[in-house]
PDB file of N, CA and C in Angstrom:
ATOM      1  N   MET A   1      -0.867  16.142 -15.620  1.00  0.00           N
ATOM      2  CA  MET A   1      -1.599  15.184 -14.763  1.00  0.00           C
ATOM      3  C   MET A   1      -0.927  14.469 -13.965  1.00  0.00           C
ATOM      4  N   PRO A   2      -0.967  14.358 -12.714  1.00  0.00           N
ATOM      5  CA  PRO A   2      -0.517  13.406 -11.777  1.00  0.00           C
ATOM      6  C   PRO A   2      -0.959  11.989 -12.229  1.00  0.00           C
ATOM      7  N   PHE A   3      -0.185  10.966 -12.230  1.00  0.00           N
ATOM      8  CA  PHE A   3      -0.454   9.515 -12.279  1.00  0.00           C
ATOM      9  C   PHE A   3       0.485   8.928 -11.308  1.00  0.00           C
ATOM     10  N   ILE A   4      -0.262   8.253 -10.277  1.00  0.00           N
ATOM     11  CA  ILE A   4       0.155   7.590  -9.511  1.00  0.00           C
ATOM     12  C   ILE A   4       0.040   5.953  -9.511  1.00  0.00           C
ATOM     13  N   GLU A   5       0.946   5.169  -9.587  1.00  0.00           N
ATOM     14  CA  GLU A   5       0.947   3.762  -9.973  1.00  0.00           C
ATOM     15  C   GLU A   5       1.743   3.074  -8.118  1.00  0.00           C
ATOM     16  N   VAL A   6       0.970   2.191  -8.187  1.00  0.00           N
ATOM     17  CA  VAL A   6       1.142   1.170  -6.938  1.00  0.00           C
ATOM     18  C   VAL A   6       1.316  -0.099  -7.023  1.00  0.00           C
ATOM     19  N   LYS A   7       2.676  -0.685  -6.762  1.00  0.00           N
ATOM     20  CA  LYS A   7       2.577  -2.198  -7.070  1.00  0.00           C
ATOM     21  C   LYS A   7       2.788  -2.646  -5.691  1.00  0.00           C
ATOM     22  N   ILE A   8       2.163  -3.777  -5.584  1.00  0.00           N
ATOM     23  CA  ILE A   8       2.112  -4.211  -3.931  1.00  0.00           C
ATOM     24  C   ILE A   8       1.836  -5.956  -4.174  1.00  0.00           C
ATOM     25  N   LEU A   9       2.708  -6.696  -3.313  1.00  0.00           N
ATOM     26  CA  LEU A   9       2.096  -7.987  -3.516  1.00  0.00           C
ATOM     27  C   LEU A   9       0.705  -8.298  -3.055  1.00  0.00           C
ATOM     28  N   GLU A  10       0.150  -9.318  -4.085  1.00  0.00           N
ATOM     29  CA  GLU A  10      -0.928  -9.869  -3.924  1.00  0.00           C
ATOM     30  C   GLU A  10      -1.370 -10.331  -2.660  1.00  0.00           C
ATOM     31  N   GLY A  11      -2.788  -9.812  -1.951  1.00  0.00           N
ATOM     32  CA  GLY A  11      -2.950 -10.391  -0.903  1.00  0.00           C
ATOM     33  C   GLY A  11      -2.369  -9.667   0.583  1.00  0.00           C
ATOM     34  N   VAL A  12      -1.368  -8.605   0.133  1.00  0.00           N
ATOM     35  CA  VAL A  12      -0.855  -8.224   1.411  1.00  0.00           C
ATOM     36  C   VAL A  12      -1.410  -6.825   1.757  1.00  0.00           C
ATOM     37  N   LEU A  13      -2.317  -6.035   1.056  1.00  0.00           N
ATOM     38  CA  LEU A  13      -3.347  -5.128   1.415  1.00  0.00           C
ATOM     39  C   LEU A  13      -4.798  -5.552   0.922  1.00  0.00           C
ATOM     40  N   PRO A  14      -5.348  -5.505   1.947  1.00  0.00           N
ATOM     41  CA  PRO A  14      -7.122  -5.947   2.002  1.00  0.00           C
ATOM     42  C   PRO A  14      -7.600  -5.208   0.864  1.00  0.00           C
ATOM     43  N   GLU A  15      -8.535  -6.076   0.237  1.00  0.00           N
ATOM     44  CA  GLU A  15      -9.176  -5.438  -0.821  1.00  0.00           C
ATOM     45  C   GLU A  15      -9.923  -4.103  -0.569  1.00  0.00           C
ATOM     46  N   HIS A  16     -10.421  -4.142   0.396  1.00  0.00           N
ATOM     47  CA  HIS A  16     -11.409  -3.102   0.742  1.00  0.00           C
ATOM     48  C   HIS A  16     -10.609  -1.794   1.643  1.00  0.00           C
ATOM     49  N   LYS A  17      -9.356  -1.833   1.637  1.00  0.00           N
ATOM     50  CA  LYS A  17      -8.747  -0.746   1.957  1.00  0.00           C
ATOM     51  C   LYS A  17      -7.883   0.064   0.702  1.00  0.00           C
ATOM     52  N   VAL A  18      -8.126  -0.619  -0.512  1.00  0.00           N
ATOM     53  CA  VAL A  18      -7.667   0.038  -1.836  1.00  0.00           C
ATOM     54  C   VAL A  18      -8.397   1.529  -2.144  1.00  0.00           C
ATOM     55  N   PRO A  19      -9.557   1.549  -1.886  1.00  0.00           N
ATOM     56  CA  PRO A  19      -9.820   2.920  -2.017  1.00  0.00           C
ATOM     57  C   PRO A  19      -9.568   3.985  -0.965  1.00  0.00           C
ATOM     58  N   GLU A  20      -9.133   3.410   0.074  1.00  0.00           N
ATOM     59  CA  GLU A  20      -8.228   4.341   0.961  1.00  0.00           C
ATOM     60  C   GLU A  20      -7.356   4.785   0.712  1.00  0.00           C
ATOM     61  N   LEU A  21      -6.472   3.998   0.023  1.00  0.00           N
ATOM     62  CA  LEU A  21      -5.208   4.016  -0.193  1.00  0.00           C
ATOM     63  C   LEU A  21      -5.057   4.942  -1.231  1.00  0.00           C
ATOM     64  N   MET A  22      -6.020   4.728  -2.340  1.00  0.00           N
ATOM     65  CA  MET A  22      -6.067   5.640  -3.464  1.00  0.00           C
ATOM     66  C   MET A  22      -6.588   7.091  -3.111  1.00  0.00           C
ATOM     67  N   ALA A  23      -7.645   7.591  -2.107  1.00  0.00           N
ATOM     68  CA  ALA A  23      -8.212   8.512  -1.548  1.00  0.00           C
ATOM     69  C   ALA A  23      -6.721   9.135  -0.828  1.00  0.00           C
ATOM     70  N   ALA A  24      -6.095   8.605  -0.184  1.00  0.00           N
ATOM     71  CA  ALA A  24      -4.863   9.163   0.885  1.00  0.00           C
ATOM     72  C   ALA A  24      -3.813   9.975  -0.010  1.00  0.00           C
ATOM     73  N   LEU A  25      -3.420   9.045  -1.216  1.00  0.00           N
ATOM     74  CA  LEU A  25      -2.399   9.375  -2.218  1.00  0.00           C
ATOM     75  C   LEU A  25      -3.197  10.341  -3.170  1.00  0.00           C
ATOM     76  N   THR A  26      -4.156  10.565  -3.486  1.00  0.00           N
ATOM     77  CA  THR A  26      -4.693  11.714  -4.145  1.00  0.00           C
ATOM     78  C   THR A  26      -4.900  13.109  -3.058  1.00  0.00           C
ATOM     79  N   GLU A  27      -5.091  13.053  -1.627  1.00  0.00           N
ATOM     80  CA  GLU A  27      -5.075  14.017  -0.739  1.00  0.00           C
ATOM     81  C   GLU A  27      -3.616  14.452  -0.674  1.00  0.00           C
ATOM     82  N   ALA A  28      -2.881  13.733  -0.679  1.00  0.00           N
ATOM     83  CA  ALA A  28      -1.197  13.944  -0.666  1.00  0.00           C
ATOM     84  C   ALA A  28      -0.911  15.014  -1.885  1.00  0.00           C
ATOM     85  N   VAL A  29      -1.289  14.418  -3.062  1.00  0.00           N
ATOM     86  CA  VAL A  29      -1.007  15.413  -4.269  1.00  0.00           C
ATOM     87  C   VAL A  29      -1.759  16.825  -4.186  1.00  0.00           C
ATOM     88  N   VAL A  30      -2.791  16.858  -3.501  1.00  0.00           N
ATOM     89  CA  VAL A  30      -3.813  18.149  -3.461  1.00  0.00           C
ATOM     90  C   VAL A  30      -3.016  18.822  -2.521  1.00  0.00           C
ATOM     91  N   ARG A  31      -2.557  18.245  -1.354  1.00  0.00           N
ATOM     92  CA  ARG A  31      -2.004  19.067  -0.188  1.00  0.00           C
ATOM     93  C   ARG A  31      -0.647  19.763  -0.769  1.00  0.00           C
ATOM     94  N   VAL A  32      -0.097  19.042  -1.611  1.00  0.00           N
ATOM     95  CA  VAL A  32       1.117  19.811  -2.033  1.00  0.00           C
ATOM     96  C   VAL A  32       0.823  20.652  -3.536  1.00  0.00           C
ATOM     97  N   GLY A  33       0.013  19.911  -4.276  1.00  0.00           N
ATOM     98  CA  GLY A  33      -0.229  21.161  -5.392  1.00  0.00           C
ATOM     99  C   GLY A  33      -1.649  22.154  -5.534  1.00  0.00           C
ATOM    100  N   GLY A  34      -2.234  21.844  -4.740  1.00  0.00           N
ATOM    101  CA  GLY A  34      -3.605  22.523  -4.621  1.00  0.00           C
ATOM    102  C   GLY A  34      -4.757  21.574  -5.031  1.00  0.00           C
ATOM    103  N   GLU A  35      -6.022  22.128  -4.994  1.00  0.00           N
ATOM    104  CA  GLU A  35      -7.120  21.611  -5.141  1.00  0.00           C
ATOM    105  C   GLU A  35      -7.041  21.520  -6.673  1.00  0.00           C
ATOM    106  N   GLY A  36      -6.525  22.261  -7.254  1.00  0.00           N
ATOM    107  CA  GLY A  36      -7.096  21.988  -8.602  1.00  0.00           C
ATOM    108  C   GLY A  36      -6.338  20.801  -9.256  1.00  0.00           C
ATOM    109  N   PHE A  37      -5.449  20.140  -8.691  1.00  0.00           N
ATOM    110  CA  PHE A  37      -5.024  18.848  -9.147  1.00  0.00           C
ATOM    111  C   PHE A  37      -5.823  17.587  -8.748  1.00  0.00           C
ATOM    112  N   ARG A  38      -6.848  17.957  -7.865  1.00  0.00           N
ATOM    113  CA  ARG A  38      -7.822  17.193  -7.620  1.00  0.00           C
ATOM    114  C   ARG A  38      -8.434  16.133  -8.998  1.00  0.00           C
ATOM    115  N   PRO A  39      -9.041  16.722  -9.649  1.00  0.00           N
ATOM    116  CA  PRO A  39      -9.787  16.049 -10.958  1.00  0.00           C
ATOM    117  C   PRO A  39      -8.672  15.697 -11.964  1.00  0.00           C
ATOM    118  N   MET A  40      -7.549  15.964 -11.858  1.00  0.00           N
ATOM    119  CA  MET A  40      -6.657  15.527 -12.490  1.00  0.00           C
ATOM    120  C   MET A  40      -5.673  14.356 -12.113  1.00  0.00           C
ATOM    121  N   THR A  41      -5.921  14.016 -10.931  1.00  0.00           N
ATOM    122  CA  THR A  41      -5.020  12.718 -10.383  1.00  0.00           C
ATOM    123  C   THR A  41      -5.600  11.757 -10.684  1.00  0.00           C
ATOM    124  N   ARG A  42      -4.712  10.410 -11.098  1.00  0.00           N
ATOM    125  CA  ARG A  42      -5.286   9.392 -11.424  1.00  0.00           C
ATOM    126  C   ARG A  42      -3.971   8.480 -10.662  1.00  0.00           C
ATOM    127  N   CYS A  43      -4.906   7.399 -10.086  1.00  0.00           N
ATOM    128  CA  CYS A  43      -4.057   6.489  -9.223  1.00  0.00           C
ATOM    129  C   CYS A  43      -4.842   4.786  -9.632  1.00  0.00           C
ATOM    130  N   VAL A  44      -3.537   3.923  -9.799  1.00  0.00           N
ATOM    131  CA  VAL A  44      -3.933   2.621 -10.221  1.00  0.00           C
ATOM    132  C   VAL A  44      -2.980   1.966  -9.093  1.00  0.00           C
ATOM    133  N   VAL A  45      -3.760   0.840  -8.549  1.00  0.00           N
ATOM    134  CA  VAL A  45      -3.061  -0.453  -7.621  1.00  0.00           C
ATOM    135  C   VAL A  45      -3.125  -1.339  -8.304  1.00  0.00           C
ATOM    136  N   GLN A  46      -1.895  -2.154  -8.454  1.00  0.00           N
ATOM    137  CA  GLN A  46      -1.577  -2.985  -9.031  1.00  0.00           C
ATOM    138  C   GLN A  46      -1.233  -4.515  -8.071  1.00  0.00           C
ATOM    139  N   GLU A  47      -1.655  -5.356  -8.070  1.00  0.00           N
ATOM    140  CA  GLU A  47      -0.732  -6.445  -7.425  1.00  0.00           C
ATOM    141  C   GLU A  47      -0.123  -7.019  -8.516  1.00  0.00           C
ATOM    142  N   VAL A  48       1.170  -7.793  -7.697  1.00  0.00           N
ATOM    143  CA  VAL A  48       1.835  -8.685  -8.102  1.00  0.00           C
ATOM    144  C   VAL A  48       1.869  -9.712  -7.806  1.00  0.00           C
ATOM    145  N   ARG A  49       1.815 -10.750  -8.371  1.00  0.00           N
ATOM    146  CA  ARG A  49       2.039 -12.340  -8.137  1.00  0.00           C
ATOM    147  C   ARG A  49       3.030 -12.551  -6.583  1.00  0.00           C
ATOM    148  N   SER A  50       3.003 -13.429  -5.979  1.00  0.00           N
ATOM    149  CA  SER A  50       3.882 -14.143  -4.850  1.00  0.00           C
ATOM    150  C   SER A  50       4.582 -14.229  -5.452  1.00  0.00           C
ATOM    151  N   GLY A  51       5.849 -14.144  -5.738  1.00  0.00           N
ATOM    152  CA  GLY A  51       7.158 -15.126  -5.901  1.00  0.00           C
ATOM    153  C   GLY A  51       7.770 -14.116  -7.133  1.00  0.00           C
ATOM    154  N   TRP A  52       6.661 -12.905  -7.927  1.00  0.00           N
ATOM    155  CA  TRP A  52       7.168 -12.697  -9.168  1.00  0.00           C
ATOM    156  C   TRP A  52       7.756 -11.184  -8.624  1.00  0.00           C
ATOM    157  N   TRP A  53       8.441 -11.161  -7.438  1.00  0.00           N
ATOM    158  CA  TRP A  53       8.875  -9.599  -7.250  1.00  0.00           C
ATOM    159  C   TRP A  53       9.879 -10.043  -5.868  1.00  0.00           C
ATOM    160  N   ALA A  54      11.259  -9.489  -6.743  1.00  0.00           N
ATOM    161  CA  ALA A  54      12.352  -9.575  -5.866  1.00  0.00           C
ATOM    162  C   ALA A  54      13.002  -8.340  -5.207  1.00  0.00           C
ATOM    163  N   ALA A  55      14.102  -8.779  -4.197  1.00  0.00           N
ATOM    164  CA  ALA A  55      14.503  -7.666  -3.536  1.00  0.00           C
ATOM    165  C   ALA A  55      15.815  -8.398  -3.545  1.00  0.00           C
ATOM    166  N   ALA A  56      16.970  -7.926  -4.046  1.00  0.00           N
ATOM    167  CA  ALA A  56      18.494  -8.064  -3.830  1.00  0.00           C
ATOM    168  C   ALA A  56      18.313  -9.502  -4.287  1.00  0.00           C
ATOM    169  N   GLY A  57      17.531  -9.975  -5.581  1.00  0.00           N
ATOM    170  CA  GLY A  57      17.683 -11.022  -6.345  1.00  0.00           C
ATOM    171  C   GLY A  57      17.198 -12.117  -5.646  1.00  0.00           C
ATOM    172  N   LYS A  58      16.276 -11.969  -4.716  1.00  0.00           N
ATOM    173  CA  LYS A  58      15.599 -12.800  -3.832  1.00  0.00           C
ATOM    174  C   LYS A  58      14.043 -13.175  -3.771  1.00  0.00           C
ATOM    175  N   PRO A  59      13.347 -13.942  -4.139  1.00  0.00           N
ATOM    176  CA  PRO A  59      12.035 -13.611  -4.502  1.00  0.00           C
ATOM    177  C   PRO A  59      11.204 -13.463  -3.205  1.00  0.00           C
ATOM    178  N   LEU A  60      10.256 -12.413  -3.272  1.00  0.00           N
ATOM    179  CA  LEU A  60       9.513 -11.895  -2.141  1.00  0.00           C
ATOM    180  C   LEU A  60       8.270 -12.725  -2.200  1.00  0.00           C
ATOM    181  N   SER A  61       7.508 -12.981  -1.020  1.00  0.00           N
ATOM    182  CA  SER A  61       6.307 -13.915  -1.153  1.00  0.00           C
ATOM    183  C   SER A  61       5.464 -13.121  -0.382  1.00  0.00           C
ATOM    184  N   THR A  62       3.916 -13.457  -0.496  1.00  0.00           N
ATOM    185  CA  THR A  62       2.836 -12.650   0.498  1.00  0.00           C
ATOM    186  C   THR A  62       3.325 -12.962   1.349  1.00  0.00           C
ATOM    187  N   GLU A  63       3.043 -14.513   2.041  1.00  0.00           N
ATOM    188  CA  GLU A  63       3.297 -14.979   3.299  1.00  0.00           C
ATOM    189  C   GLU A  63       4.424 -14.137   3.834  1.00  0.00           C
ATOM    190  N   GLY A  64       5.672 -14.074   3.217  1.00  0.00           N
ATOM    191  CA  GLY A  64       6.569 -13.324   3.765  1.00  0.00           C
ATOM    192  C   GLY A  64       6.369 -11.639   4.239  1.00  0.00           C
ATOM    193  N   ALA A  65       5.911 -11.067   3.296  1.00  0.00           N
ATOM    194  CA  ALA A  65       5.263  -9.794   3.675  1.00  0.00           C
ATOM    195  C   ALA A  65       4.520  -9.599   4.725  1.00  0.00           C
ATOM    196  N   LEU A  66       3.670 -10.329   4.652  1.00  0.00           N
ATOM    197  CA  LEU A  66       2.578 -10.272   5.853  1.00  0.00           C
ATOM    198  C   LEU A  66       3.298 -10.606   7.210  1.00  0.00           C
ATOM    199  N   GLN A  67       4.051 -11.692   7.287  1.00  0.00           N
ATOM    200  CA  GLN A  67       4.913 -11.911   8.635  1.00  0.00           C
ATOM    201  C   GLN A  67       5.810 -10.814   9.024  1.00  0.00           C
ATOM    202  N   SER A  68       6.304 -10.139   7.762  1.00  0.00           N
ATOM    203  CA  SER A  68       7.061  -8.944   8.146  1.00  0.00           C
ATOM    204  C   SER A  68       6.585  -7.841   8.706  1.00  0.00           C
ATOM    205  N   LEU A  69       5.264  -7.632   8.019  1.00  0.00           N
ATOM    206  CA  LEU A  69       4.000  -6.514   8.664  1.00  0.00           C
ATOM    207  C   LEU A  69       3.441  -6.776   9.855  1.00  0.00           C
ATOM    208  N   GLN A  70       3.712  -7.840  10.410  1.00  0.00           N
ATOM    209  CA  GLN A  70       2.833  -8.538  11.656  1.00  0.00           C
ATOM    210  C   GLN A  70       4.099  -8.233  12.512  1.00  0.00           C
ATOM    211  N   ALA A  71       5.254  -8.575  12.217  1.00  0.00           N
ATOM    212  CA  ALA A  71       6.302  -8.464  13.241  1.00  0.00           C
ATOM    213  C   ALA A  71       6.618  -7.117  13.561  1.00  0.00           C
ATOM    214  N   ALA A  72       6.282  -6.194  12.691  1.00  0.00           N
ATOM    215  CA  ALA A  72       6.447  -4.670  12.549  1.00  0.00           C
ATOM    216  C   ALA A  72       5.243  -3.924  13.597  1.00  0.00           C
ATOM    217  N   GLN A  73       4.447  -4.417  13.936  1.00  0.00           N
ATOM    218  CA  GLN A  73       3.014  -3.928  14.606  1.00  0.00           C
ATOM    219  C   GLN A  73       3.557  -4.069  16.127  1.00  0.00           C
ATOM    220  N   PRO A  74       3.357  -2.897  16.611  1.00  0.00           N
ATOM    221  CA  PRO A  74       3.717  -2.416  17.957  1.00  0.00           C
ATOM    222  C   PRO A  74       2.733  -3.724  18.678  1.00  0.00           C
ATOM    223  N   ALA A  75       3.507  -4.185  20.124  1.00  0.00           N
ATOM    224  CA  ALA A  75       2.926  -5.189  20.914  1.00  0.00           C
ATOM    225  C   ALA A  75       1.402  -4.672  21.036  1.00  0.00           C
ATOM    226  N   SER A  76       0.233  -5.102  21.352  1.00  0.00           N
ATOM    227  CA  SER A  76      -0.736  -4.964  22.352  1.00  0.00           C
ATOM    228  C   SER A  76      -0.692  -5.008  23.661  1.00  0.00           C
ATOM    229  N   PRO A  77      -1.247  -3.832  24.182  1.00  0.00           N
ATOM    230  CA  PRO A  77      -0.847  -4.055  26.119  1.00  0.00           C
ATOM    231  C   PRO A  77      -2.057  -4.894  26.436  1.00  0.00           C
ATOM    232  N   PRO A  78      -1.216  -5.363  27.873  1.00  0.00           N
ATOM    233  CA  PRO A  78      -1.789  -6.481  28.325  1.00  0.00           C
ATOM    234  C   PRO A  78      -3.074  -6.308  28.519  1.00  0.00           C
ATOM    235  N   GLY A  79      -4.249  -7.215  28.699  1.00  0.00           N
ATOM    236  CA  GLY A  79      -5.133  -6.489  29.069  1.00  0.00           C
ATOM    237  C   GLY A  79      -5.260  -6.319  30.561  1.00  0.00           C
ATOM    238  N   PRO A  80      -6.665  -6.469  30.966  1.00  0.00           N
ATOM    239  CA  PRO A  80      -7.071  -6.338  32.515  1.00  0.00           C
ATOM    240  C   PRO A  80      -6.409  -7.447  33.163  1.00  0.00           C
ATOM    241  N   ALA A  81      -5.867  -7.416  34.268  1.00  0.00           N
ATOM    242  CA  ALA A  81      -5.404  -8.686  34.887  1.00  0.00           C
ATOM    243  C   ALA A  81      -6.680  -9.086  36.061  1.00  0.00           C
TER     244      ALA A  81
END
């Protein structure tokens, strides 16, 4: 039985997007393993408190993660002049 565990910094993924993430992860398992995997696939999303997760020994914050995500977004095309 597939069990998918996702850990993410608190406040990085909007709460209304969590079901969409779970559905997409389940679809990925079904795409690889077949439809029989759908009823057996379990998924849990756990938020980790800001500052309680580290990379290279440095704590990560929700604010820092959101800034990184924003910086990675493509620039919007300019509006009509």
